């Protein structure tokens, strides 16, 4: 048995925790950028949140609010899309696997992974392309929050026109994945051009420092 995962855990509680989930963590690790030891630390965060929220341990679930508030991702509408991208659904709960994959993406995901993730967040209809109406809906929600002007219709329409001219590389009237991918690779700042779907890095580090101080020592 390796060193204690966390001094705040009762030794027997930790043994039960590792014995119950160790095999599953090995499978989860294959889908993340973490070493097994690092994944254990991520799972400790999950377990602490579960204990804090008094969620029955047998459920192996925590509220998705940990992503919504803990990482500063406060846009409730976009949070629905984030869950679709992470977990192919809109469940109010997060599993261990989803939690680990989310932090792998947020902490160590490369640009290719982030592009695929962001496109899925924006692809409201699941068609593999972003239509003008979809872009309008996404940008209106973002702009309405940032503007004091009650009438943002024209501004949004102008922005959609600009984005289509910039990103519709094959001129077919929609932004497909290749269009989006090629534009973002060339100009990474366009990654979240249709809405903030990634947490700010300071929020991620603050979360880790709060829940798992030893992370920075690994």
N, C-alpha and C. Protein backbone atom coordinates (compact mmCIF):
# COMPACT_ATOMS: atom_id res chain seq x y z
N UNK A 1 0.84 -1.19 0.00
CA UNK A 1 0.00 0.00 0.00
C UNK A 1 0.88 1.24 0.00
N UNK A 2 0.55 2.23 -0.84
CA UNK A 2 1.34 3.44 -0.91
C UNK A 2 1.01 4.38 0.22
N UNK A 3 1.67 5.51 0.26
CA UNK A 3 1.47 6.48 1.33
C UNK A 3 0.02 6.92 1.39
N UNK A 4 -0.36 7.43 2.57
CA UNK A 4 -1.74 7.88 2.78
C UNK A 4 -2.12 8.92 1.73
N UNK A 5 -3.32 8.77 1.23
CA UNK A 5 -3.81 9.73 0.24
C UNK A 5 -4.03 11.10 0.87
N UNK A 6 -4.55 11.10 2.07
CA UNK A 6 -4.88 12.37 2.70
C UNK A 6 -4.98 12.16 4.21
N UNK A 7 -4.31 13.02 4.97
CA UNK A 7 -4.28 12.86 6.42
C UNK A 7 -5.64 13.09 7.06
N UNK A 8 -6.54 13.76 6.32
CA UNK A 8 -7.86 14.04 6.87
C UNK A 8 -8.77 12.81 6.81
N UNK A 9 -8.37 11.80 6.05
CA UNK A 9 -9.18 10.59 5.95
C UNK A 9 -8.79 9.60 7.04
N UNK A 10 -9.78 8.95 7.61
CA UNK A 10 -9.53 7.88 8.56
C UNK A 10 -8.83 6.74 7.81
N UNK A 11 -7.75 6.15 8.40
CA UNK A 11 -7.00 5.10 7.69
C UNK A 11 -7.88 3.97 7.16
N UNK A 12 -8.82 3.50 7.98
CA UNK A 12 -9.69 2.42 7.53
C UNK A 12 -10.64 2.89 6.41
N UNK A 13 -11.07 4.13 6.54
CA UNK A 13 -11.93 4.70 5.52
C UNK A 13 -11.19 4.77 4.19
N UNK A 14 -9.91 5.14 4.28
CA UNK A 14 -9.09 5.24 3.08
C UNK A 14 -8.88 3.87 2.45
N UNK A 15 -8.64 2.85 3.26
CA UNK A 15 -8.44 1.50 2.75
C UNK A 15 -9.69 1.03 2.00
N UNK A 16 -10.85 1.26 2.61
CA UNK A 16 -12.11 0.85 1.97
C UNK A 16 -12.31 1.61 0.66
N UNK A 17 -11.99 2.89 0.70
CA UNK A 17 -12.15 3.75 -0.47
C UNK A 17 -11.30 3.25 -1.64
N UNK A 18 -10.03 2.94 -1.37
CA UNK A 18 -9.12 2.49 -2.41
C UNK A 18 -9.48 1.09 -2.91
N UNK A 19 -9.86 0.22 -1.98
CA UNK A 19 -10.19 -1.15 -2.35
C UNK A 19 -11.43 -1.18 -3.25
N UNK A 20 -12.38 -0.33 -2.93
CA UNK A 20 -13.64 -0.31 -3.67
C UNK A 20 -13.44 0.22 -5.10
N UNK A 21 -12.58 1.23 -5.26
CA UNK A 21 -12.51 1.93 -6.54
C UNK A 21 -11.22 1.74 -7.33
N UNK A 22 -10.22 1.09 -6.73
CA UNK A 22 -8.92 0.98 -7.38
C UNK A 22 -8.95 0.45 -8.80
N UNK A 23 -9.71 -0.63 -9.02
CA UNK A 23 -9.78 -1.23 -10.36
C UNK A 23 -10.42 -0.28 -11.35
N UNK A 24 -11.47 0.41 -10.90
CA UNK A 24 -12.16 1.35 -11.78
C UNK A 24 -11.24 2.52 -12.14
N UNK A 25 -10.43 2.97 -11.19
CA UNK A 25 -9.51 4.08 -11.44
C UNK A 25 -8.50 3.72 -12.53
N UNK A 26 -8.10 2.46 -12.57
CA UNK A 26 -7.15 2.04 -13.60
C UNK A 26 -7.75 2.22 -14.99
N UNK A 27 -9.05 1.93 -15.11
CA UNK A 27 -9.73 2.12 -16.39
C UNK A 27 -9.89 3.61 -16.70
N UNK A 28 -10.26 4.37 -15.68
CA UNK A 28 -10.45 5.81 -15.87
C UNK A 28 -9.15 6.48 -16.28
N UNK A 29 -8.05 6.04 -15.68
CA UNK A 29 -6.75 6.66 -15.96
C UNK A 29 -6.42 6.64 -17.45
N UNK A 30 -6.82 5.59 -18.14
CA UNK A 30 -6.52 5.45 -19.57
C UNK A 30 -7.14 6.57 -20.39
N UNK A 31 -8.17 7.21 -19.85
CA UNK A 31 -8.87 8.26 -20.58
C UNK A 31 -8.49 9.65 -20.08
N UNK A 32 -7.42 9.73 -19.28
CA UNK A 32 -6.98 11.02 -18.75
C UNK A 32 -5.49 11.21 -19.02
N UNK A 33 -4.98 12.37 -18.62
CA UNK A 33 -3.55 12.67 -18.74
C UNK A 33 -2.85 12.50 -17.39
N UNK A 34 -3.50 11.86 -16.44
CA UNK A 34 -2.94 11.71 -15.10
C UNK A 34 -2.19 10.39 -14.93
N UNK A 35 -1.17 10.41 -14.08
CA UNK A 35 -0.58 9.16 -13.61
C UNK A 35 -1.58 8.56 -12.63
N UNK A 36 -1.36 7.31 -12.25
CA UNK A 36 -2.30 6.70 -11.31
C UNK A 36 -2.28 7.42 -9.96
N UNK A 37 -1.10 7.81 -9.49
CA UNK A 37 -1.01 8.53 -8.22
C UNK A 37 -1.72 9.88 -8.28
N UNK A 38 -1.59 10.55 -9.40
CA UNK A 38 -2.27 11.84 -9.56
C UNK A 38 -3.78 11.64 -9.60
N UNK A 39 -4.22 10.57 -10.27
CA UNK A 39 -5.65 10.30 -10.33
C UNK A 39 -6.20 10.02 -8.93
N UNK A 40 -5.42 9.32 -8.12
CA UNK A 40 -5.85 9.08 -6.74
C UNK A 40 -6.12 10.40 -6.02
N UNK A 41 -5.24 11.37 -6.23
CA UNK A 41 -5.42 12.67 -5.60
C UNK A 41 -6.70 13.35 -6.08
N UNK A 42 -6.98 13.23 -7.38
CA UNK A 42 -8.21 13.79 -7.93
C UNK A 42 -9.43 13.10 -7.32
N UNK A 43 -9.33 11.79 -7.12
CA UNK A 43 -10.44 11.05 -6.53
C UNK A 43 -10.66 11.40 -5.07
N UNK A 44 -9.58 11.81 -4.38
CA UNK A 44 -9.72 12.26 -3.00
C UNK A 44 -10.58 13.53 -2.96
N UNK A 45 -10.35 14.41 -3.91
CA UNK A 45 -11.17 15.62 -3.99
C UNK A 45 -12.64 15.23 -4.15
N UNK A 46 -12.88 14.30 -5.07
CA UNK A 46 -14.24 13.82 -5.31
C UNK A 46 -14.85 13.28 -4.01
N UNK A 47 -14.08 12.45 -3.31
CA UNK A 47 -14.56 11.81 -2.09
C UNK A 47 -14.84 12.85 -1.00
N UNK A 48 -13.98 13.85 -0.89
CA UNK A 48 -14.18 14.90 0.12
C UNK A 48 -15.47 15.69 -0.16
N UNK A 49 -15.69 15.98 -1.42
CA UNK A 49 -16.90 16.71 -1.79
C UNK A 49 -18.13 15.86 -1.48
N UNK A 50 -18.02 14.58 -1.79
CA UNK A 50 -19.12 13.66 -1.52
C UNK A 50 -19.44 13.63 -0.02
N UNK A 51 -18.40 13.58 0.79
CA UNK A 51 -18.59 13.55 2.25
C UNK A 51 -19.15 14.88 2.75
N UNK A 52 -18.66 15.98 2.19
CA UNK A 52 -19.13 17.30 2.59
C UNK A 52 -20.60 17.48 2.31
N UNK A 53 -21.03 16.96 1.15
CA UNK A 53 -22.42 17.12 0.74
C UNK A 53 -23.34 16.04 1.30
N UNK A 54 -22.77 15.16 2.13
CA UNK A 54 -23.55 14.07 2.73
C UNK A 54 -24.24 13.21 1.67
N UNK A 55 -23.57 13.06 0.54
CA UNK A 55 -24.11 12.20 -0.50
C UNK A 55 -23.77 10.75 -0.15
N UNK A 56 -24.72 9.84 -0.15
CA UNK A 56 -24.42 8.45 0.18
C UNK A 56 -23.26 7.92 -0.64
N UNK A 57 -22.24 7.37 0.01
CA UNK A 57 -21.04 6.92 -0.69
C UNK A 57 -21.34 5.84 -1.73
N UNK A 58 -22.40 5.08 -1.51
CA UNK A 58 -22.74 4.00 -2.43
C UNK A 58 -23.15 4.54 -3.80
N UNK A 59 -23.55 5.81 -3.85
CA UNK A 59 -24.03 6.37 -5.10
C UNK A 59 -22.90 6.74 -6.05
N UNK A 60 -21.71 7.04 -5.49
CA UNK A 60 -20.55 7.44 -6.30
C UNK A 60 -20.87 8.62 -7.21
N UNK A 61 -21.64 9.57 -6.68
CA UNK A 61 -22.03 10.76 -7.43
C UNK A 61 -21.84 12.00 -6.57
N UNK A 62 -21.59 13.12 -7.24
CA UNK A 62 -21.62 14.42 -6.56
C UNK A 62 -22.41 15.37 -7.44
N UNK A 63 -22.86 16.46 -6.87
CA UNK A 63 -23.61 17.44 -7.65
C UNK A 63 -22.70 18.11 -8.68
N UNK A 64 -23.25 18.39 -9.84
CA UNK A 64 -22.45 19.08 -10.85
C UNK A 64 -22.18 20.53 -10.46
N UNK A 65 -22.78 20.98 -9.34
CA UNK A 65 -22.52 22.33 -8.86
C UNK A 65 -21.04 22.55 -8.57
N UNK A 66 -20.30 21.46 -8.33
CA UNK A 66 -18.87 21.59 -8.08
C UNK A 66 -18.17 22.19 -9.28
N UNK A 67 -18.66 21.92 -10.48
CA UNK A 67 -18.11 22.54 -11.69
C UNK A 67 -18.73 23.92 -11.90
N UNK A 68 -20.00 24.01 -11.57
CA UNK A 68 -20.74 25.25 -11.79
C UNK A 68 -20.21 26.39 -10.92
N UNK A 69 -20.03 26.11 -9.62
CA UNK A 69 -19.59 27.16 -8.70
C UNK A 69 -18.12 27.02 -8.31
N UNK A 70 -17.65 25.80 -8.11
CA UNK A 70 -16.28 25.60 -7.65
C UNK A 70 -15.24 26.03 -8.65
N UNK A 71 -15.59 26.02 -9.94
CA UNK A 71 -14.65 26.42 -10.98
C UNK A 71 -15.04 27.73 -11.64
N UNK A 72 -16.00 28.42 -11.05
CA UNK A 72 -16.39 29.71 -11.57
C UNK A 72 -17.16 29.65 -12.87
N UNK A 73 -17.70 28.50 -13.21
CA UNK A 73 -18.47 28.36 -14.45
C UNK A 73 -19.94 28.62 -14.10
N UNK A 74 -20.27 29.90 -14.01
CA UNK A 74 -21.55 30.31 -13.44
C UNK A 74 -22.67 30.51 -14.46
N UNK A 75 -22.40 30.25 -15.72
CA UNK A 75 -23.43 30.37 -16.75
C UNK A 75 -24.24 29.07 -16.76
N UNK A 76 -25.45 29.13 -16.20
CA UNK A 76 -26.27 27.93 -16.06
C UNK A 76 -26.60 27.31 -17.42
N UNK A 77 -26.86 28.13 -18.41
CA UNK A 77 -27.19 27.61 -19.74
C UNK A 77 -26.00 26.87 -20.33
N UNK A 78 -24.82 27.48 -20.26
CA UNK A 78 -23.64 26.83 -20.82
C UNK A 78 -23.27 25.59 -20.02
N UNK A 79 -23.61 25.58 -18.72
CA UNK A 79 -23.32 24.41 -17.90
C UNK A 79 -24.04 23.18 -18.42
N UNK A 80 -25.25 23.38 -18.95
CA UNK A 80 -25.97 22.26 -19.57
C UNK A 80 -25.16 21.70 -20.74
N UNK A 81 -24.61 22.60 -21.54
CA UNK A 81 -23.83 22.18 -22.69
C UNK A 81 -22.52 21.52 -22.27
N UNK A 82 -21.93 22.01 -21.19
CA UNK A 82 -20.70 21.42 -20.66
C UNK A 82 -20.94 19.96 -20.28
N UNK A 83 -22.08 19.70 -19.62
CA UNK A 83 -22.39 18.33 -19.23
C UNK A 83 -22.60 17.44 -20.44
N UNK A 84 -23.17 17.97 -21.50
CA UNK A 84 -23.34 17.20 -22.72
C UNK A 84 -21.96 16.84 -23.29
N UNK A 85 -21.06 17.81 -23.29
CA UNK A 85 -19.72 17.57 -23.83
C UNK A 85 -18.91 16.60 -22.98
N UNK A 86 -19.09 16.68 -21.66
CA UNK A 86 -18.31 15.83 -20.76
C UNK A 86 -18.93 14.45 -20.58
N UNK A 87 -20.26 14.41 -20.56
CA UNK A 87 -20.93 13.18 -20.15
C UNK A 87 -22.04 12.74 -21.09
N UNK A 88 -22.15 13.40 -22.24
CA UNK A 88 -23.18 13.06 -23.23
C UNK A 88 -24.59 13.10 -22.64
N UNK A 89 -24.82 13.99 -21.66
CA UNK A 89 -26.14 14.12 -21.06
C UNK A 89 -26.21 15.39 -20.24
N UNK A 90 -27.34 15.61 -19.59
CA UNK A 90 -27.51 16.82 -18.77
C UNK A 90 -27.86 16.46 -17.33
N UNK A 91 -27.27 15.41 -16.83
CA UNK A 91 -27.54 14.97 -15.46
C UNK A 91 -27.12 16.04 -14.46
N UNK A 92 -27.85 16.18 -13.34
CA UNK A 92 -27.45 17.13 -12.30
C UNK A 92 -26.30 16.58 -11.45
N UNK A 93 -25.88 15.35 -11.75
CA UNK A 93 -24.81 14.74 -10.97
C UNK A 93 -23.59 14.42 -11.84
N UNK A 94 -22.45 14.31 -11.19
CA UNK A 94 -21.19 14.01 -11.85
C UNK A 94 -20.63 12.71 -11.29
N UNK A 95 -20.24 11.80 -12.16
CA UNK A 95 -19.65 10.54 -11.73
C UNK A 95 -18.14 10.73 -11.52
N UNK A 96 -17.50 9.74 -10.93
CA UNK A 96 -16.05 9.78 -10.75
C UNK A 96 -15.35 9.93 -12.09
N UNK A 97 -15.80 9.16 -13.08
CA UNK A 97 -15.16 9.18 -14.39
C UNK A 97 -15.30 10.56 -15.04
N UNK A 98 -16.48 11.13 -14.98
CA UNK A 98 -16.70 12.45 -15.57
C UNK A 98 -15.86 13.51 -14.86
N UNK A 99 -15.79 13.42 -13.54
CA UNK A 99 -15.00 14.36 -12.74
C UNK A 99 -13.53 14.30 -13.14
N UNK A 100 -13.01 13.08 -13.26
CA UNK A 100 -11.61 12.91 -13.62
C UNK A 100 -11.34 13.41 -15.04
N UNK A 101 -12.22 13.09 -15.97
CA UNK A 101 -12.03 13.52 -17.35
C UNK A 101 -12.12 15.04 -17.47
N UNK A 102 -13.02 15.64 -16.69
CA UNK A 102 -13.15 17.10 -16.72
C UNK A 102 -11.86 17.76 -16.27
N UNK A 103 -11.28 17.27 -15.16
CA UNK A 103 -10.05 17.90 -14.67
C UNK A 103 -8.86 17.59 -15.56
N UNK A 104 -8.88 16.44 -16.19
CA UNK A 104 -7.81 16.12 -17.15
C UNK A 104 -7.86 17.12 -18.29
N UNK A 105 -9.05 17.40 -18.79
CA UNK A 105 -9.22 18.36 -19.88
C UNK A 105 -8.84 19.76 -19.42
N UNK A 106 -9.36 20.18 -18.26
CA UNK A 106 -9.15 21.54 -17.79
C UNK A 106 -7.71 21.81 -17.39
N UNK A 107 -7.03 20.80 -16.86
CA UNK A 107 -5.66 20.99 -16.40
C UNK A 107 -4.62 20.70 -17.47
N UNK A 108 -4.86 19.65 -18.27
CA UNK A 108 -3.80 19.19 -19.17
C UNK A 108 -4.27 18.91 -20.60
N UNK A 109 -5.49 19.22 -20.89
CA UNK A 109 -5.98 18.97 -22.23
C UNK A 109 -5.25 19.80 -23.27
N UNK A 110 -4.92 19.18 -24.40
CA UNK A 110 -4.24 19.93 -25.46
C UNK A 110 -5.28 20.66 -26.31
N UNK A 111 -4.81 21.44 -27.26
CA UNK A 111 -5.72 22.25 -28.06
C UNK A 111 -6.71 21.40 -28.85
N UNK A 112 -6.25 20.26 -29.35
CA UNK A 112 -7.14 19.40 -30.12
C UNK A 112 -8.32 18.93 -29.27
N UNK A 113 -8.04 18.53 -28.04
CA UNK A 113 -9.11 18.08 -27.14
C UNK A 113 -10.07 19.22 -26.82
N UNK A 114 -9.51 20.40 -26.58
CA UNK A 114 -10.33 21.54 -26.23
C UNK A 114 -11.21 21.99 -27.40
N UNK A 115 -10.68 21.87 -28.59
CA UNK A 115 -11.47 22.22 -29.78
C UNK A 115 -12.68 21.29 -29.91
N UNK A 116 -12.44 19.98 -29.77
CA UNK A 116 -13.54 19.01 -29.86
C UNK A 116 -14.57 19.24 -28.77
N UNK A 117 -14.10 19.53 -27.57
CA UNK A 117 -14.98 19.80 -26.43
C UNK A 117 -15.81 21.05 -26.67
N UNK A 118 -15.16 22.15 -27.06
CA UNK A 118 -15.88 23.41 -27.27
C UNK A 118 -16.91 23.27 -28.38
N UNK A 119 -16.54 22.60 -29.46
CA UNK A 119 -17.48 22.43 -30.58
C UNK A 119 -18.71 21.66 -30.13
N UNK A 120 -18.51 20.63 -29.32
CA UNK A 120 -19.65 19.86 -28.80
C UNK A 120 -20.54 20.74 -27.94
N UNK A 121 -19.93 21.60 -27.13
CA UNK A 121 -20.70 22.53 -26.29
C UNK A 121 -21.58 23.43 -27.17
N UNK A 122 -21.04 23.88 -28.28
CA UNK A 122 -21.75 24.82 -29.14
C UNK A 122 -22.74 24.16 -30.10
N UNK A 123 -22.54 22.90 -30.39
CA UNK A 123 -23.38 22.19 -31.36
C UNK A 123 -24.71 21.80 -30.70
N UNK A 124 -25.59 22.77 -30.54
CA UNK A 124 -26.82 22.57 -29.78
C UNK A 124 -27.72 21.48 -30.35
N UNK A 125 -27.72 21.33 -31.65
CA UNK A 125 -28.60 20.36 -32.31
C UNK A 125 -27.92 19.02 -32.56
N UNK A 126 -26.63 18.93 -32.24
CA UNK A 126 -25.92 17.68 -32.45
C UNK A 126 -25.80 17.31 -33.91
N UNK A 127 -25.73 18.30 -34.78
CA UNK A 127 -25.69 18.06 -36.22
C UNK A 127 -24.28 18.00 -36.79
N UNK A 128 -23.29 18.39 -35.97
CA UNK A 128 -21.94 18.43 -36.50
C UNK A 128 -21.64 19.72 -37.23
N UNK A 129 -22.53 20.69 -37.10
CA UNK A 129 -22.31 22.00 -37.72
C UNK A 129 -23.05 23.07 -36.92
N UNK A 130 -22.57 24.30 -37.02
CA UNK A 130 -23.16 25.41 -36.29
C UNK A 130 -23.88 26.32 -37.27
N UNK A 131 -25.19 26.32 -37.19
CA UNK A 131 -25.99 27.15 -38.08
C UNK A 131 -26.06 28.59 -37.55
N UNK A 132 -26.50 29.49 -38.39
CA UNK A 132 -26.64 30.88 -38.00
C UNK A 132 -27.54 31.01 -36.76
N UNK A 133 -28.64 30.26 -36.74
CA UNK A 133 -29.58 30.34 -35.62
C UNK A 133 -28.93 29.88 -34.32
N UNK A 134 -28.11 28.83 -34.41
CA UNK A 134 -27.41 28.32 -33.23
C UNK A 134 -26.43 29.36 -32.71
N UNK A 135 -25.66 29.95 -33.61
CA UNK A 135 -24.69 30.96 -33.22
C UNK A 135 -25.38 32.17 -32.61
N UNK A 136 -26.52 32.54 -33.19
CA UNK A 136 -27.28 33.67 -32.67
C UNK A 136 -27.72 33.40 -31.23
N UNK A 137 -28.25 32.20 -30.99
CA UNK A 137 -28.72 31.85 -29.66
C UNK A 137 -27.59 31.88 -28.64
N UNK A 138 -26.44 31.31 -29.01
CA UNK A 138 -25.30 31.28 -28.10
C UNK A 138 -24.75 32.68 -27.81
N UNK A 139 -24.59 33.47 -28.86
CA UNK A 139 -23.98 34.78 -28.69
C UNK A 139 -24.94 35.76 -28.01
N UNK A 140 -26.23 35.61 -28.23
CA UNK A 140 -27.19 36.49 -27.59
C UNK A 140 -27.16 36.31 -26.08
N UNK A 141 -27.06 35.06 -25.64
CA UNK A 141 -27.01 34.81 -24.20
C UNK A 141 -25.75 35.41 -23.58
N UNK A 142 -24.63 35.31 -24.29
CA UNK A 142 -23.38 35.85 -23.77
C UNK A 142 -23.38 37.37 -23.77
N UNK A 143 -23.84 37.95 -24.87
CA UNK A 143 -23.81 39.40 -25.01
C UNK A 143 -24.81 40.09 -24.11
N UNK A 144 -25.97 39.45 -23.91
CA UNK A 144 -27.01 40.05 -23.09
C UNK A 144 -26.52 40.25 -21.67
N UNK A 145 -25.67 39.34 -21.19
CA UNK A 145 -25.16 39.44 -19.82
C UNK A 145 -24.10 40.52 -19.70
N UNK A 146 -23.37 40.74 -20.79
CA UNK A 146 -22.27 41.69 -20.74
C UNK A 146 -22.70 43.10 -21.12
N UNK A 147 -23.91 43.26 -21.64
CA UNK A 147 -24.37 44.57 -22.11
C UNK A 147 -25.46 45.14 -21.22
N UNK A 148 -25.46 46.46 -21.09
CA UNK A 148 -26.51 47.15 -20.35
C UNK A 148 -27.64 47.56 -21.27
N UNK A 149 -27.43 47.36 -22.54
CA UNK A 149 -28.43 47.71 -23.55
C UNK A 149 -29.46 46.61 -23.63
N UNK A 150 -30.72 46.97 -23.43
CA UNK A 150 -31.78 45.96 -23.46
C UNK A 150 -31.96 45.38 -24.86
N UNK A 151 -31.63 46.16 -25.88
CA UNK A 151 -31.81 45.70 -27.24
C UNK A 151 -30.45 45.32 -27.83
N UNK A 152 -30.16 44.03 -27.83
CA UNK A 152 -28.87 43.57 -28.34
C UNK A 152 -29.04 42.80 -29.65
N UNK A 153 -30.25 42.81 -30.17
CA UNK A 153 -30.55 42.02 -31.38
C UNK A 153 -29.60 42.34 -32.54
N UNK A 154 -29.50 43.62 -32.87
CA UNK A 154 -28.69 44.01 -34.02
C UNK A 154 -27.21 43.71 -33.80
N UNK A 155 -26.75 43.96 -32.56
CA UNK A 155 -25.34 43.71 -32.25
C UNK A 155 -25.02 42.23 -32.41
N UNK A 156 -25.92 41.38 -31.96
CA UNK A 156 -25.71 39.94 -32.07
C UNK A 156 -25.71 39.50 -33.54
N UNK A 157 -26.65 40.03 -34.30
CA UNK A 157 -26.71 39.68 -35.72
C UNK A 157 -25.43 40.08 -36.45
N UNK A 158 -24.90 41.25 -36.10
CA UNK A 158 -23.66 41.70 -36.72
C UNK A 158 -22.50 40.78 -36.34
N UNK A 159 -22.46 40.37 -35.08
CA UNK A 159 -21.39 39.48 -34.62
C UNK A 159 -21.48 38.12 -35.31
N UNK A 160 -22.69 37.63 -35.47
CA UNK A 160 -22.87 36.34 -36.15
C UNK A 160 -22.37 36.45 -37.59
N UNK A 161 -22.70 37.54 -38.25
CA UNK A 161 -22.23 37.75 -39.63
C UNK A 161 -20.70 37.75 -39.68
N UNK A 162 -20.10 38.44 -38.70
CA UNK A 162 -18.64 38.51 -38.64
C UNK A 162 -18.03 37.13 -38.44
N UNK A 163 -18.63 36.36 -37.51
CA UNK A 163 -18.10 35.03 -37.21
C UNK A 163 -18.24 34.11 -38.42
N UNK A 164 -19.37 34.19 -39.12
CA UNK A 164 -19.55 33.35 -40.29
C UNK A 164 -18.53 33.69 -41.38
N UNK A 165 -18.30 34.97 -41.59
CA UNK A 165 -17.31 35.38 -42.59
C UNK A 165 -15.92 34.92 -42.18
N UNK A 166 -15.65 34.91 -40.87
CA UNK A 166 -14.32 34.55 -40.38
C UNK A 166 -14.11 33.04 -40.36
N UNK A 167 -15.15 32.27 -40.04
CA UNK A 167 -14.95 30.85 -39.76
C UNK A 167 -15.57 29.89 -40.77
N UNK A 168 -16.47 30.37 -41.61
CA UNK A 168 -17.08 29.49 -42.62
C UNK A 168 -16.12 29.39 -43.80
N UNK A 169 -15.14 28.56 -43.65
CA UNK A 169 -14.06 28.49 -44.64
C UNK A 169 -14.50 27.92 -45.99
N UNK A 170 -15.45 27.00 -45.96
CA UNK A 170 -15.89 26.41 -47.23
C UNK A 170 -17.12 27.09 -47.83
N UNK A 171 -17.54 28.19 -47.17
CA UNK A 171 -18.62 29.04 -47.69
C UNK A 171 -19.92 28.30 -47.96
N UNK A 172 -20.26 27.37 -47.04
CA UNK A 172 -21.52 26.63 -47.22
C UNK A 172 -22.63 27.14 -46.31
N UNK A 173 -22.38 28.26 -45.63
CA UNK A 173 -23.42 28.87 -44.79
C UNK A 173 -23.47 28.37 -43.37
N UNK A 174 -22.65 27.39 -43.03
CA UNK A 174 -22.58 26.88 -41.65
C UNK A 174 -21.11 26.70 -41.28
N UNK A 175 -20.85 26.59 -39.98
CA UNK A 175 -19.49 26.30 -39.51
C UNK A 175 -19.45 24.84 -39.10
N UNK A 176 -18.82 24.01 -39.91
CA UNK A 176 -18.69 22.60 -39.54
C UNK A 176 -17.45 22.42 -38.66
N UNK A 177 -17.24 21.20 -38.23
CA UNK A 177 -16.13 20.98 -37.30
C UNK A 177 -14.79 21.34 -37.92
N UNK A 178 -14.59 21.01 -39.18
CA UNK A 178 -13.31 21.32 -39.83
C UNK A 178 -13.09 22.83 -39.89
N UNK A 179 -14.16 23.58 -40.23
CA UNK A 179 -14.05 25.03 -40.24
C UNK A 179 -13.59 25.53 -38.88
N UNK A 180 -14.31 25.07 -37.84
CA UNK A 180 -14.03 25.51 -36.48
C UNK A 180 -12.61 25.13 -36.07
N UNK A 181 -12.27 23.88 -36.34
CA UNK A 181 -10.95 23.37 -35.98
C UNK A 181 -9.84 24.18 -36.63
N UNK A 182 -9.93 24.36 -37.93
CA UNK A 182 -8.86 25.05 -38.65
C UNK A 182 -8.71 26.50 -38.22
N UNK A 183 -9.84 27.16 -37.94
CA UNK A 183 -9.79 28.56 -37.49
C UNK A 183 -9.16 28.68 -36.11
N UNK A 184 -9.53 27.77 -35.21
CA UNK A 184 -9.00 27.84 -33.85
C UNK A 184 -7.52 27.47 -33.81
N UNK A 185 -7.11 26.50 -34.61
CA UNK A 185 -5.70 26.14 -34.68
C UNK A 185 -4.87 27.35 -35.14
N UNK A 186 -5.41 28.08 -36.08
CA UNK A 186 -4.72 29.26 -36.60
C UNK A 186 -4.79 30.43 -35.61
N UNK A 187 -5.95 30.57 -34.94
CA UNK A 187 -6.16 31.66 -33.98
C UNK A 187 -6.79 31.10 -32.72
N UNK A 188 -6.00 30.59 -31.76
CA UNK A 188 -6.54 29.94 -30.56
C UNK A 188 -7.52 30.79 -29.74
N UNK A 189 -7.41 32.10 -29.87
CA UNK A 189 -8.31 32.97 -29.10
C UNK A 189 -9.77 32.81 -29.54
N UNK A 190 -10.01 32.15 -30.68
CA UNK A 190 -11.37 31.91 -31.15
C UNK A 190 -12.02 30.70 -30.49
N UNK A 191 -11.27 29.99 -29.67
CA UNK A 191 -11.78 28.75 -29.07
C UNK A 191 -13.12 28.96 -28.36
N UNK A 192 -13.22 30.01 -27.56
CA UNK A 192 -14.45 30.27 -26.80
C UNK A 192 -15.20 31.47 -27.37
N UNK A 193 -15.17 31.59 -28.67
CA UNK A 193 -15.80 32.74 -29.33
C UNK A 193 -17.32 32.73 -29.24
N UNK A 194 -17.91 31.58 -28.96
CA UNK A 194 -19.37 31.48 -28.90
C UNK A 194 -19.88 31.27 -27.48
N UNK A 195 -19.02 31.45 -26.49
CA UNK A 195 -19.44 31.29 -25.10
C UNK A 195 -18.35 30.64 -24.27
N UNK A 196 -18.28 31.02 -23.00
CA UNK A 196 -17.24 30.49 -22.12
C UNK A 196 -17.62 29.10 -21.63
N UNK A 197 -16.89 28.10 -22.10
CA UNK A 197 -17.17 26.72 -21.72
C UNK A 197 -16.01 26.09 -20.95
N UNK A 198 -14.95 26.85 -20.71
CA UNK A 198 -13.81 26.38 -19.94
C UNK A 198 -13.62 27.28 -18.73
N UNK A 199 -13.21 26.72 -17.60
CA UNK A 199 -12.96 27.57 -16.42
C UNK A 199 -11.67 28.35 -16.61
N UNK A 200 -11.59 29.50 -15.96
CA UNK A 200 -10.33 30.24 -15.99
C UNK A 200 -9.30 29.46 -15.19
N UNK A 201 -8.07 29.44 -15.68
CA UNK A 201 -7.03 28.64 -15.03
C UNK A 201 -6.84 28.99 -13.55
N UNK A 202 -6.87 30.27 -13.14
CA UNK A 202 -6.73 30.58 -11.71
C UNK A 202 -7.80 29.90 -10.86
N UNK A 203 -9.02 29.77 -11.42
CA UNK A 203 -10.09 29.12 -10.68
C UNK A 203 -9.80 27.64 -10.48
N UNK A 204 -9.21 27.00 -11.50
CA UNK A 204 -8.85 25.58 -11.39
C UNK A 204 -7.80 25.38 -10.32
N UNK A 205 -6.74 26.19 -10.36
CA UNK A 205 -5.67 26.04 -9.39
C UNK A 205 -6.14 26.36 -7.96
N UNK A 206 -7.02 27.35 -7.85
CA UNK A 206 -7.57 27.69 -6.54
C UNK A 206 -8.39 26.53 -5.99
N UNK A 207 -9.14 25.88 -6.86
CA UNK A 207 -9.96 24.75 -6.44
C UNK A 207 -9.07 23.60 -5.96
N UNK A 208 -8.04 23.29 -6.73
CA UNK A 208 -7.13 22.21 -6.35
C UNK A 208 -6.43 22.53 -5.04
N UNK A 209 -5.97 23.78 -4.89
CA UNK A 209 -5.25 24.19 -3.68
C UNK A 209 -6.15 24.06 -2.45
N UNK A 210 -7.43 24.32 -2.64
CA UNK A 210 -8.38 24.25 -1.53
C UNK A 210 -8.68 22.82 -1.13
N UNK A 211 -8.91 21.99 -2.13
CA UNK A 211 -9.37 20.63 -1.86
C UNK A 211 -8.25 19.61 -1.74
N UNK A 212 -7.14 19.86 -2.38
CA UNK A 212 -6.06 18.88 -2.36
C UNK A 212 -4.71 19.60 -2.39
N UNK A 213 -4.28 20.18 -1.25
CA UNK A 213 -3.05 20.99 -1.18
C UNK A 213 -1.81 20.27 -1.68
N UNK A 214 -1.76 18.95 -1.56
CA UNK A 214 -0.56 18.21 -1.95
C UNK A 214 -0.39 18.13 -3.46
N UNK A 215 -1.42 18.56 -4.21
CA UNK A 215 -1.34 18.49 -5.67
C UNK A 215 -0.10 19.18 -6.20
N UNK A 216 0.22 20.36 -5.65
CA UNK A 216 1.35 21.10 -6.15
C UNK A 216 2.69 20.46 -5.85
N UNK A 217 2.70 19.47 -4.97
CA UNK A 217 3.95 18.81 -4.60
C UNK A 217 4.20 17.53 -5.40
N UNK A 218 3.24 17.15 -6.24
CA UNK A 218 3.38 15.89 -6.95
C UNK A 218 4.30 16.04 -8.16
